[in-house]
All heavy atoms as atom14 arrays in JSON, in Angstrom:
{
  "sequence": "VMLPLAIATSIDALATGVTFAFLQVNIWLAIALIGTITLAMSMAG",
  "atom14_mask": [
    [1, 1, 1, 1, 1, 1, 1, 0, 0, 0, 0, 0, 0, 0],
    [1, 1, 1, 1, 1, 1, 1, 1, 0, 0, 0, 0, 0, 0],
    [1, 1, 1, 1, 1, 1, 1, 1, 0, 0, 0, 0, 0, 0],
    [1, 1, 1, 1, 1, 1, 1, 0, 0, 0, 0, 0, 0, 0],
    [1, 1, 1, 1, 1, 1, 1, 1, 0, 0, 0, 0, 0, 0],
    [1, 1, 1, 1, 1, 0, 0, 0, 0, 0, 0, 0, 0, 0],
    [1, 1, 1, 1, 1, 1, 1, 1, 0, 0, 0, 0, 0, 0],
    [1, 1, 1, 1, 1, 0, 0, 0, 0, 0, 0, 0, 0, 0],
    [1, 1, 1, 1, 1, 1, 1, 0, 0, 0, 0, 0, 0, 0],
    [1, 1, 1, 1, 1, 1, 0, 0, 0, 0, 0, 0, 0, 0],
    [1, 1, 1, 1, 1, 1, 1, 1, 0, 0, 0, 0, 0, 0],
    [1, 1, 1, 1, 1, 1, 1, 1, 0, 0, 0, 0, 0, 0],
    [1, 1, 1, 1, 1, 0, 0, 0, 0, 0, 0, 0, 0, 0],
    [1, 1, 1, 1, 1, 1, 1, 1, 0, 0, 0, 0, 0, 0],
    [1, 1, 1, 1, 1, 0, 0, 0, 0, 0, 0, 0, 0, 0],
    [1, 1, 1, 1, 1, 1, 1, 0, 0, 0, 0, 0, 0, 0],
    [1, 1, 1, 1, 0, 0, 0, 0, 0, 0, 0, 0, 0, 0],
    [1, 1, 1, 1, 1, 1, 1, 0, 0, 0, 0, 0, 0, 0],
    [1, 1, 1, 1, 1, 1, 1, 0, 0, 0, 0, 0, 0, 0],
    [1, 1, 1, 1, 1, 1, 1, 1, 1, 1, 1, 0, 0, 0],
    [1, 1, 1, 1, 1, 0, 0, 0, 0, 0, 0, 0, 0, 0],
    [1, 1, 1, 1, 1, 1, 1, 1, 1, 1, 1, 0, 0, 0],
    [1, 1, 1, 1, 1, 1, 1, 1, 0, 0, 0, 0, 0, 0],
    [1, 1, 1, 1, 1, 1, 1, 1, 1, 0, 0, 0, 0, 0],
    [1, 1, 1, 1, 1, 1, 1, 0, 0, 0, 0, 0, 0, 0],
    [1, 1, 1, 1, 1, 1, 1, 1, 0, 0, 0, 0, 0, 0],
    [1, 1, 1, 1, 1, 1, 1, 1, 0, 0, 0, 0, 0, 0],
    [1, 1, 1, 1, 1, 1, 1, 1, 1, 1, 1, 1, 1, 1],
    [1, 1, 1, 1, 1, 1, 1, 1, 0, 0, 0, 0, 0, 0],
    [1, 1, 1, 1, 1, 0, 0, 0, 0, 0, 0, 0, 0, 0],
    [1, 1, 1, 1, 1, 1, 1, 1, 0, 0, 0, 0, 0, 0],
    [1, 1, 1, 1, 1, 0, 0, 0, 0, 0, 0, 0, 0, 0],
    [1, 1, 1, 1, 1, 1, 1, 1, 0, 0, 0, 0, 0, 0],
    [1, 1, 1, 1, 1, 1, 1, 1, 0, 0, 0, 0, 0, 0],
    [1, 1, 1, 1, 0, 0, 0, 0, 0, 0, 0, 0, 0, 0],
    [1, 1, 1, 1, 1, 1, 1, 0, 0, 0, 0, 0, 0, 0],
    [1, 1, 1, 1, 1, 1, 1, 1, 0, 0, 0, 0, 0, 0],
    [1, 1, 1, 1, 1, 1, 1, 0, 0, 0, 0, 0, 0, 0],
    [1, 1, 1, 1, 1, 1, 1, 1, 0, 0, 0, 0, 0, 0],
    [1, 1, 1, 1, 1, 0, 0, 0, 0, 0, 0, 0, 0, 0],
    [1, 1, 1, 1, 1, 1, 1, 1, 0, 0, 0, 0, 0, 0],
    [1, 1, 1, 1, 1, 1, 0, 0, 0, 0, 0, 0, 0, 0],
    [1, 1, 1, 1, 1, 1, 1, 1, 0, 0, 0, 0, 0, 0],
    [1, 1, 1, 1, 1, 0, 0, 0, 0, 0, 0, 0, 0, 0],
    [1, 1, 1, 1, 0, 0, 0, 0, 0, 0, 0, 0, 0, 0]
  ],
  "atom14_positions": [
    [[0.89, -1.11, 0.02], [0.02, -0.01, 0.02], [0.91, 1.23, -0.08], [0.64, 2.17, -0.77], [-0.85, -0.07, 1.28], [-1.66, 1.31, 1.32], [-1.92, -1.14, 1.13], [0.0, 0.0, 0.0], [0.0, 0.0, 0.0], [0.0, 0.0, 0.0], [0.0, 0.0, 0.0], [0.0, 0.0, 0.0], [0.0, 0.0, 0.0], [0.0, 0.0, 0.0]],
    [[1.94, 1.29, 0.87], [2.67, 2.44, 1.09], [3.69, 2.75, -0.02], [3.84, 3.95, -0.4], [3.42, 2.46, 2.43], [2.54, 2.48, 3.58], [1.47, 3.95, 3.6], [2.65, 5.3, 3.67], [0.0, 0.0, 0.0], [0.0, 0.0, 0.0], [0.0, 0.0, 0.0], [0.0, 0.0, 0.0], [0.0, 0.0, 0.0], [0.0, 0.0, 0.0]],
    [[4.22, 1.83, -0.69], [5.15, 1.98, -1.75], [4.49, 2.7, -2.95], [5.05, 3.72, -3.44], [5.81, 0.64, -2.23], [6.95, 0.82, -3.19], [8.13, 1.65, -2.75], [7.48, -0.54, -3.69], [0.0, 0.0, 0.0], [0.0, 0.0, 0.0], [0.0, 0.0, 0.0], [0.0, 0.0, 0.0], [0.0, 0.0, 0.0], [0.0, 0.0, 0.0]],
    [[3.47, 2.29, -3.55], [2.83, 3.02, -4.56], [2.41, 4.43, -4.14], [2.59, 5.39, -4.87], [1.65, 2.2, -4.98], [1.88, 0.92, -4.46], [2.73, 1.02, -3.22], [0.0, 0.0, 0.0], [0.0, 0.0, 0.0], [0.0, 0.0, 0.0], [0.0, 0.0, 0.0], [0.0, 0.0, 0.0], [0.0, 0.0, 0.0], [0.0, 0.0, 0.0]],
    [[1.96, 4.6, -2.92], [1.63, 5.94, -2.44], [2.79, 6.88, -2.46], [2.74, 8.05, -2.8], [0.95, 5.87, -1.08], [-0.56, 5.34, -0.99], [-0.95, 5.22, 0.4], [-1.36, 6.2, -1.81], [0.0, 0.0, 0.0], [0.0, 0.0, 0.0], [0.0, 0.0, 0.0], [0.0, 0.0, 0.0], [0.0, 0.0, 0.0], [0.0, 0.0, 0.0]],
    [[3.94, 6.36, -1.94], [5.21, 7.11, -1.74], [5.75, 7.5, -3.17], [6.2, 8.66, -3.3], [6.22, 6.26, -1.08], [0.0, 0.0, 0.0], [0.0, 0.0, 0.0], [0.0, 0.0, 0.0], [0.0, 0.0, 0.0], [0.0, 0.0, 0.0], [0.0, 0.0, 0.0], [0.0, 0.0, 0.0], [0.0, 0.0, 0.0], [0.0, 0.0, 0.0]],
    [[5.63, 6.67, -4.19], [6.04, 6.92, -5.57], [5.21, 7.93, -6.08], [5.69, 8.9, -6.6], [6.16, 5.64, -6.29], [7.24, 4.73, -5.81], [6.34, 5.92, -7.76], [7.25, 3.26, -6.41], [0.0, 0.0, 0.0], [0.0, 0.0, 0.0], [0.0, 0.0, 0.0], [0.0, 0.0, 0.0], [0.0, 0.0, 0.0], [0.0, 0.0, 0.0]],
    [[3.88, 7.66, -6.0], [2.95, 8.65, -6.56], [3.03, 10.15, -6.1], [3.01, 11.03, -6.78], [1.47, 8.08, -6.27], [0.0, 0.0, 0.0], [0.0, 0.0, 0.0], [0.0, 0.0, 0.0], [0.0, 0.0, 0.0], [0.0, 0.0, 0.0], [0.0, 0.0, 0.0], [0.0, 0.0, 0.0], [0.0, 0.0, 0.0], [0.0, 0.0, 0.0]],
    [[3.25, 10.17, -4.8], [3.3, 11.6, -4.2], [4.71, 12.16, -4.37], [4.81, 13.34, -4.17], [3.03, 11.46, -2.65], [3.93, 10.66, -2.04], [1.64, 11.06, -2.27], [0.0, 0.0, 0.0], [0.0, 0.0, 0.0], [0.0, 0.0, 0.0], [0.0, 0.0, 0.0], [0.0, 0.0, 0.0], [0.0, 0.0, 0.0], [0.0, 0.0, 0.0]],
    [[5.75, 11.39, -4.93], [6.96, 11.96, -5.13], [7.31, 12.21, -6.53], [8.47, 12.65, -6.87], [8.12, 11.12, -4.42], [8.11, 9.85, -5.05], [0.0, 0.0, 0.0], [0.0, 0.0, 0.0], [0.0, 0.0, 0.0], [0.0, 0.0, 0.0], [0.0, 0.0, 0.0], [0.0, 0.0, 0.0], [0.0, 0.0, 0.0], [0.0, 0.0, 0.0]],
    [[6.4, 12.05, -7.43], [6.78, 12.22, -8.9], [6.96, 13.73, -9.14], [7.78, 14.06, -9.84], [5.52, 11.65, -9.76], [5.48, 10.14, -9.78], [5.73, 12.13, -11.27], [6.65, 9.34, -10.13], [0.0, 0.0, 0.0], [0.0, 0.0, 0.0], [0.0, 0.0, 0.0], [0.0, 0.0, 0.0], [0.0, 0.0, 0.0], [0.0, 0.0, 0.0]],
    [[6.2, 14.51, -8.39], [6.34, 15.96, -8.47], [7.78, 16.38, -8.11], [8.41, 17.25, -8.64], [5.45, 16.7, -7.65], [3.94, 16.5, -8.1], [3.74, 15.92, -9.22], [3.07, 16.82, -7.35], [0.0, 0.0, 0.0], [0.0, 0.0, 0.0], [0.0, 0.0, 0.0], [0.0, 0.0, 0.0], [0.0, 0.0, 0.0], [0.0, 0.0, 0.0]],
    [[8.24, 15.78, -7.14], [9.63, 15.98, -6.54], [10.66, 15.46, -7.67], [11.79, 16.25, -7.75], [9.92, 15.25, -5.29], [0.0, 0.0, 0.0], [0.0, 0.0, 0.0], [0.0, 0.0, 0.0], [0.0, 0.0, 0.0], [0.0, 0.0, 0.0], [0.0, 0.0, 0.0], [0.0, 0.0, 0.0], [0.0, 0.0, 0.0], [0.0, 0.0, 0.0]],
    [[10.5, 14.48, -8.45], [11.23, 14.11, -9.58], [11.45, 15.26, -10.55], [12.58, 15.67, -10.98], [10.9, 12.8, -10.23], [11.58, 12.3, -11.42], [13.01, 11.73, -10.91], [10.91, 11.28, -12.11], [0.0, 0.0, 0.0], [0.0, 0.0, 0.0], [0.0, 0.0, 0.0], [0.0, 0.0, 0.0], [0.0, 0.0, 0.0], [0.0, 0.0, 0.0]],
    [[10.3, 15.79, -10.96], [10.31, 16.82, -11.9], [10.97, 18.07, -11.36], [11.63, 18.83, -12.02], [8.88, 17.16, -12.46], [0.0, 0.0, 0.0], [0.0, 0.0, 0.0], [0.0, 0.0, 0.0], [0.0, 0.0, 0.0], [0.0, 0.0, 0.0], [0.0, 0.0, 0.0], [0.0, 0.0, 0.0], [0.0, 0.0, 0.0], [0.0, 0.0, 0.0]],
    [[10.64, 18.42, -10.14], [11.43, 19.53, -9.51], [12.9, 19.41, -9.49], [13.59, 20.34, -9.58], [10.83, 19.76, -8.09], [9.34, 19.92, -8.22], [11.38, 20.96, -7.43], [0.0, 0.0, 0.0], [0.0, 0.0, 0.0], [0.0, 0.0, 0.0], [0.0, 0.0, 0.0], [0.0, 0.0, 0.0], [0.0, 0.0, 0.0], [0.0, 0.0, 0.0]],
    [[13.31, 18.11, -9.16], [14.76, 17.98, -9.22], [15.37, 18.18, -10.56], [16.55, 18.7, -10.57], [0.0, 0.0, 0.0], [0.0, 0.0, 0.0], [0.0, 0.0, 0.0], [0.0, 0.0, 0.0], [0.0, 0.0, 0.0], [0.0, 0.0, 0.0], [0.0, 0.0, 0.0], [0.0, 0.0, 0.0], [0.0, 0.0, 0.0], [0.0, 0.0, 0.0]],
    [[14.72, 17.99, -11.69], [15.17, 18.35, -12.97], [15.41, 19.81, -13.03], [16.4, 20.34, -13.55], [14.27, 17.8, -14.06], [14.62, 18.37, -15.4], [14.18, 16.3, -14.12], [0.0, 0.0, 0.0], [0.0, 0.0, 0.0], [0.0, 0.0, 0.0], [0.0, 0.0, 0.0], [0.0, 0.0, 0.0], [0.0, 0.0, 0.0], [0.0, 0.0, 0.0]],
    [[14.44, 20.69, -12.51], [14.64, 22.03, -12.5], [15.82, 22.52, -11.69], [16.45, 23.47, -12.01], [13.35, 22.83, -12.13], [13.26, 22.54, -10.66], [12.08, 22.39, -12.83], [0.0, 0.0, 0.0], [0.0, 0.0, 0.0], [0.0, 0.0, 0.0], [0.0, 0.0, 0.0], [0.0, 0.0, 0.0], [0.0, 0.0, 0.0], [0.0, 0.0, 0.0]],
    [[16.07, 21.84, -10.54], [17.25, 22.21, -9.79], [18.49, 22.09, -10.54], [19.44, 22.93, -10.37], [17.38, 21.16, -8.49], [16.31, 21.48, -7.48], [15.95, 20.48, -6.48], [15.55, 22.59, -7.4], [15.16, 20.67, -5.52], [14.61, 22.76, -6.44], [14.37, 21.79, -5.44], [0.0, 0.0, 0.0], [0.0, 0.0, 0.0], [0.0, 0.0, 0.0]],
    [[18.69, 21.12, -11.45], [19.93, 20.95, -12.3], [20.03, 22.29, -13.1], [21.28, 22.72, -13.29], [19.87, 19.81, -13.04], [0.0, 0.0, 0.0], [0.0, 0.0, 0.0], [0.0, 0.0, 0.0], [0.0, 0.0, 0.0], [0.0, 0.0, 0.0], [0.0, 0.0, 0.0], [0.0, 0.0, 0.0], [0.0, 0.0, 0.0], [0.0, 0.0, 0.0]],
    [[19.0, 22.82, -13.58], [19.1, 24.03, -14.5], [19.35, 25.25, -13.72], [19.78, 26.34, -14.26], [17.82, 24.2, -15.27], [17.5, 22.99, -16.12], [16.13, 22.54, -16.35], [18.49, 22.32, -16.93], [15.87, 21.36, -17.09], [18.17, 21.25, -17.7], [16.89, 20.78, -17.74], [0.0, 0.0, 0.0], [0.0, 0.0, 0.0], [0.0, 0.0, 0.0]],
    [[19.05, 25.33, -12.47], [19.09, 26.38, -11.63], [20.22, 26.52, -10.68], [20.4, 27.41, -9.84], [17.83, 26.68, -10.86], [16.45, 26.82, -11.58], [15.19, 26.7, -10.81], [16.47, 27.93, -12.55], [0.0, 0.0, 0.0], [0.0, 0.0, 0.0], [0.0, 0.0, 0.0], [0.0, 0.0, 0.0], [0.0, 0.0, 0.0], [0.0, 0.0, 0.0]],
    [[21.13, 25.53, -10.79], [22.34, 25.48, -9.95], [21.9, 25.48, -8.41], [22.54, 26.31, -7.68], [23.32, 26.71, -10.24], [23.66, 26.72, -11.78], [24.24, 25.43, -12.31], [25.17, 24.86, -11.61], [23.87, 25.04, -13.37], [0.0, 0.0, 0.0], [0.0, 0.0, 0.0], [0.0, 0.0, 0.0], [0.0, 0.0, 0.0], [0.0, 0.0, 0.0]],
    [[21.06, 24.61, -8.04], [20.67, 24.56, -6.7], [21.61, 23.62, -5.92], [22.11, 22.66, -6.48], [19.22, 24.05, -6.55], [18.73, 23.7, -5.15], [18.23, 25.11, -7.09], [0.0, 0.0, 0.0], [0.0, 0.0, 0.0], [0.0, 0.0, 0.0], [0.0, 0.0, 0.0], [0.0, 0.0, 0.0], [0.0, 0.0, 0.0], [0.0, 0.0, 0.0]],
    [[21.92, 23.81, -4.64], [22.6, 22.92, -3.82], [21.74, 21.68, -3.55], [20.89, 21.67, -2.69], [23.11, 23.53, -2.57], [23.89, 22.61, -1.59], [23.71, 21.4, -1.67], [24.5, 23.07, -0.73], [0.0, 0.0, 0.0], [0.0, 0.0, 0.0], [0.0, 0.0, 0.0], [0.0, 0.0, 0.0], [0.0, 0.0, 0.0], [0.0, 0.0, 0.0]],
    [[21.88, 20.71, -4.32], [21.08, 19.49, -4.38], [20.99, 18.86, -2.94], [19.93, 18.31, -2.48], [21.43, 18.46, -5.33], [20.26, 17.42, -5.56], [22.74, 17.83, -5.22], [18.99, 17.93, -5.83], [0.0, 0.0, 0.0], [0.0, 0.0, 0.0], [0.0, 0.0, 0.0], [0.0, 0.0, 0.0], [0.0, 0.0, 0.0], [0.0, 0.0, 0.0]],
    [[22.15, 18.74, -2.22], [22.18, 18.1, -0.94], [21.37, 18.73, 0.05], [20.7, 18.1, 0.87], [23.66, 17.81, -0.56], [24.33, 17.16, -1.55], [25.45, 17.68, -2.41], [24.19, 15.77, -2.11], [25.79, 16.63, -3.26], [25.08, 15.58, -3.1], [23.34, 14.77, -1.58], [25.16, 14.34, -3.75], [23.38, 13.49, -2.32], [24.26, 13.36, -3.28]],
    [[21.42, 20.22, 0.07], [20.63, 20.9, 0.89], [19.14, 20.75, 0.67], [18.36, 20.61, 1.47], [21.15, 22.33, 0.93], [20.17, 23.28, 1.8], [20.21, 23.02, 3.25], [20.63, 24.78, 1.53], [0.0, 0.0, 0.0], [0.0, 0.0, 0.0], [0.0, 0.0, 0.0], [0.0, 0.0, 0.0], [0.0, 0.0, 0.0], [0.0, 0.0, 0.0]],
    [[18.84, 20.72, -0.73], [17.51, 20.7, -1.24], [16.86, 19.32, -0.71], [15.73, 19.33, -0.26], [17.53, 20.84, -2.69], [0.0, 0.0, 0.0], [0.0, 0.0, 0.0], [0.0, 0.0, 0.0], [0.0, 0.0, 0.0], [0.0, 0.0, 0.0], [0.0, 0.0, 0.0], [0.0, 0.0, 0.0], [0.0, 0.0, 0.0], [0.0, 0.0, 0.0]],
    [[17.56, 18.23, -1.04], [17.01, 16.91, -0.69], [16.89, 16.83, 0.8], [15.98, 16.14, 1.41], [17.75, 15.71, -1.32], [19.14, 15.66, -0.81], [17.71, 15.88, -2.88], [19.91, 14.35, -1.35], [0.0, 0.0, 0.0], [0.0, 0.0, 0.0], [0.0, 0.0, 0.0], [0.0, 0.0, 0.0], [0.0, 0.0, 0.0], [0.0, 0.0, 0.0]],
    [[17.79, 17.33, 1.56], [17.69, 17.25, 3.14], [16.42, 18.06, 3.57], [15.66, 17.47, 4.49], [18.99, 17.84, 3.7], [0.0, 0.0, 0.0], [0.0, 0.0, 0.0], [0.0, 0.0, 0.0], [0.0, 0.0, 0.0], [0.0, 0.0, 0.0], [0.0, 0.0, 0.0], [0.0, 0.0, 0.0], [0.0, 0.0, 0.0], [0.0, 0.0, 0.0]],
    [[16.2, 19.19, 3.06], [15.05, 19.98, 3.37], [13.76, 19.28, 2.99], [12.74, 19.21, 3.74], [15.18, 21.39, 2.86], [16.03, 22.38, 3.52], [16.24, 23.51, 2.71], [15.55, 22.66, 4.84], [0.0, 0.0, 0.0], [0.0, 0.0, 0.0], [0.0, 0.0, 0.0], [0.0, 0.0, 0.0], [0.0, 0.0, 0.0], [0.0, 0.0, 0.0]],
    [[13.7, 18.86, 1.7], [12.46, 18.24, 1.15], [12.19, 16.96, 1.97], [10.94, 16.83, 2.34], [12.62, 17.98, -0.31], [12.78, 19.24, -1.11], [11.52, 16.96, -0.85], [13.11, 19.09, -2.65], [0.0, 0.0, 0.0], [0.0, 0.0, 0.0], [0.0, 0.0, 0.0], [0.0, 0.0, 0.0], [0.0, 0.0, 0.0], [0.0, 0.0, 0.0]],
    [[13.16, 16.14, 2.18], [13.01, 14.9, 2.95], [12.47, 15.15, 4.41], [11.62, 14.48, 4.84], [0.0, 0.0, 0.0], [0.0, 0.0, 0.0], [0.0, 0.0, 0.0], [0.0, 0.0, 0.0], [0.0, 0.0, 0.0], [0.0, 0.0, 0.0], [0.0, 0.0, 0.0], [0.0, 0.0, 0.0], [0.0, 0.0, 0.0], [0.0, 0.0, 0.0]],
    [[13.16, 16.0, 5.13], [12.9, 16.35, 6.42], [11.5, 17.01, 6.61], [10.76, 16.56, 7.5], [13.87, 17.25, 7.07], [15.24, 16.65, 6.89], [13.75, 17.46, 8.54], [0.0, 0.0, 0.0], [0.0, 0.0, 0.0], [0.0, 0.0, 0.0], [0.0, 0.0, 0.0], [0.0, 0.0, 0.0], [0.0, 0.0, 0.0], [0.0, 0.0, 0.0]],
    [[11.24, 17.99, 5.75], [9.96, 18.66, 5.82], [8.78, 17.78, 5.42], [7.79, 17.67, 6.2], [9.93, 19.89, 4.97], [10.84, 21.02, 5.58], [8.56, 20.44, 4.63], [11.07, 22.23, 4.78], [0.0, 0.0, 0.0], [0.0, 0.0, 0.0], [0.0, 0.0, 0.0], [0.0, 0.0, 0.0], [0.0, 0.0, 0.0], [0.0, 0.0, 0.0]],
    [[9.04, 16.83, 4.49], [8.04, 15.82, 4.19], [7.8, 14.87, 5.35], [6.62, 14.6, 5.62], [8.41, 15.12, 2.85], [8.48, 16.17, 1.81], [7.24, 14.07, 2.51], [0.0, 0.0, 0.0], [0.0, 0.0, 0.0], [0.0, 0.0, 0.0], [0.0, 0.0, 0.0], [0.0, 0.0, 0.0], [0.0, 0.0, 0.0], [0.0, 0.0, 0.0]],
    [[8.77, 14.42, 5.89], [8.64, 13.46, 7.05], [7.83, 14.19, 8.14], [6.86, 13.6, 8.69], [10.11, 13.19, 7.58], [10.14, 12.45, 8.88], [10.02, 10.91, 8.67], [11.31, 12.78, 9.7], [0.0, 0.0, 0.0], [0.0, 0.0, 0.0], [0.0, 0.0, 0.0], [0.0, 0.0, 0.0], [0.0, 0.0, 0.0], [0.0, 0.0, 0.0]],
    [[8.18, 15.44, 8.52], [7.38, 16.17, 9.57], [5.95, 16.3, 9.08], [5.13, 16.17, 9.91], [8.16, 17.37, 9.91], [0.0, 0.0, 0.0], [0.0, 0.0, 0.0], [0.0, 0.0, 0.0], [0.0, 0.0, 0.0], [0.0, 0.0, 0.0], [0.0, 0.0, 0.0], [0.0, 0.0, 0.0], [0.0, 0.0, 0.0], [0.0, 0.0, 0.0]],
    [[5.82, 16.81, 7.86], [4.42, 17.16, 7.53], [3.57, 15.89, 7.48], [2.42, 15.84, 7.72], [4.42, 17.77, 6.17], [5.11, 19.13, 6.11], [3.97, 20.55, 6.9], [2.69, 20.47, 5.68], [0.0, 0.0, 0.0], [0.0, 0.0, 0.0], [0.0, 0.0, 0.0], [0.0, 0.0, 0.0], [0.0, 0.0, 0.0], [0.0, 0.0, 0.0]],
    [[4.14, 14.85, 7.0], [3.37, 13.51, 6.91], [3.12, 12.98, 8.28], [1.98, 12.53, 8.45], [4.22, 12.46, 6.19], [4.57, 12.85, 4.91], [0.0, 0.0, 0.0], [0.0, 0.0, 0.0], [0.0, 0.0, 0.0], [0.0, 0.0, 0.0], [0.0, 0.0, 0.0], [0.0, 0.0, 0.0], [0.0, 0.0, 0.0], [0.0, 0.0, 0.0]],
    [[3.95, 13.16, 9.13], [3.61, 12.62, 10.55], [2.59, 13.44, 11.14], [1.59, 13.07, 11.72], [4.93, 12.7, 11.42], [5.98, 11.76, 11.06], [7.49, 11.82, 12.08], [6.85, 11.28, 13.66], [0.0, 0.0, 0.0], [0.0, 0.0, 0.0], [0.0, 0.0, 0.0], [0.0, 0.0, 0.0], [0.0, 0.0, 0.0], [0.0, 0.0, 0.0]],
    [[2.61, 14.95, 10.9], [1.63, 15.75, 11.33], [0.28, 15.42, 10.67], [-0.81, 15.44, 11.35], [2.08, 17.21, 11.17], [0.0, 0.0, 0.0], [0.0, 0.0, 0.0], [0.0, 0.0, 0.0], [0.0, 0.0, 0.0], [0.0, 0.0, 0.0], [0.0, 0.0, 0.0], [0.0, 0.0, 0.0], [0.0, 0.0, 0.0], [0.0, 0.0, 0.0]],
    [[0.31, 15.16, 9.34], [-0.94, 14.87, 8.68], [-1.58, 13.63, 9.21], [-2.82, 13.53, 9.17], [0.0, 0.0, 0.0], [0.0, 0.0, 0.0], [0.0, 0.0, 0.0], [0.0, 0.0, 0.0], [0.0, 0.0, 0.0], [0.0, 0.0, 0.0], [0.0, 0.0, 0.0], [0.0, 0.0, 0.0], [0.0, 0.0, 0.0], [0.0, 0.0, 0.0]]
  ]
}
C-alpha cells in the first residue's frame, strides 16, 4: 500500500529535481530539506 503511495506523491519531486539542475541549486541541501519537511508534514498529517 505504502510503496505506490510514496512513489505517486513523489513524482512531482522528480520533476522539481530536474529544474534544480538547471538552476544550480545545492542538491544536498534541497533533498535534506525536502525529505525532512515531508517527514514532519506526513507525521503531522
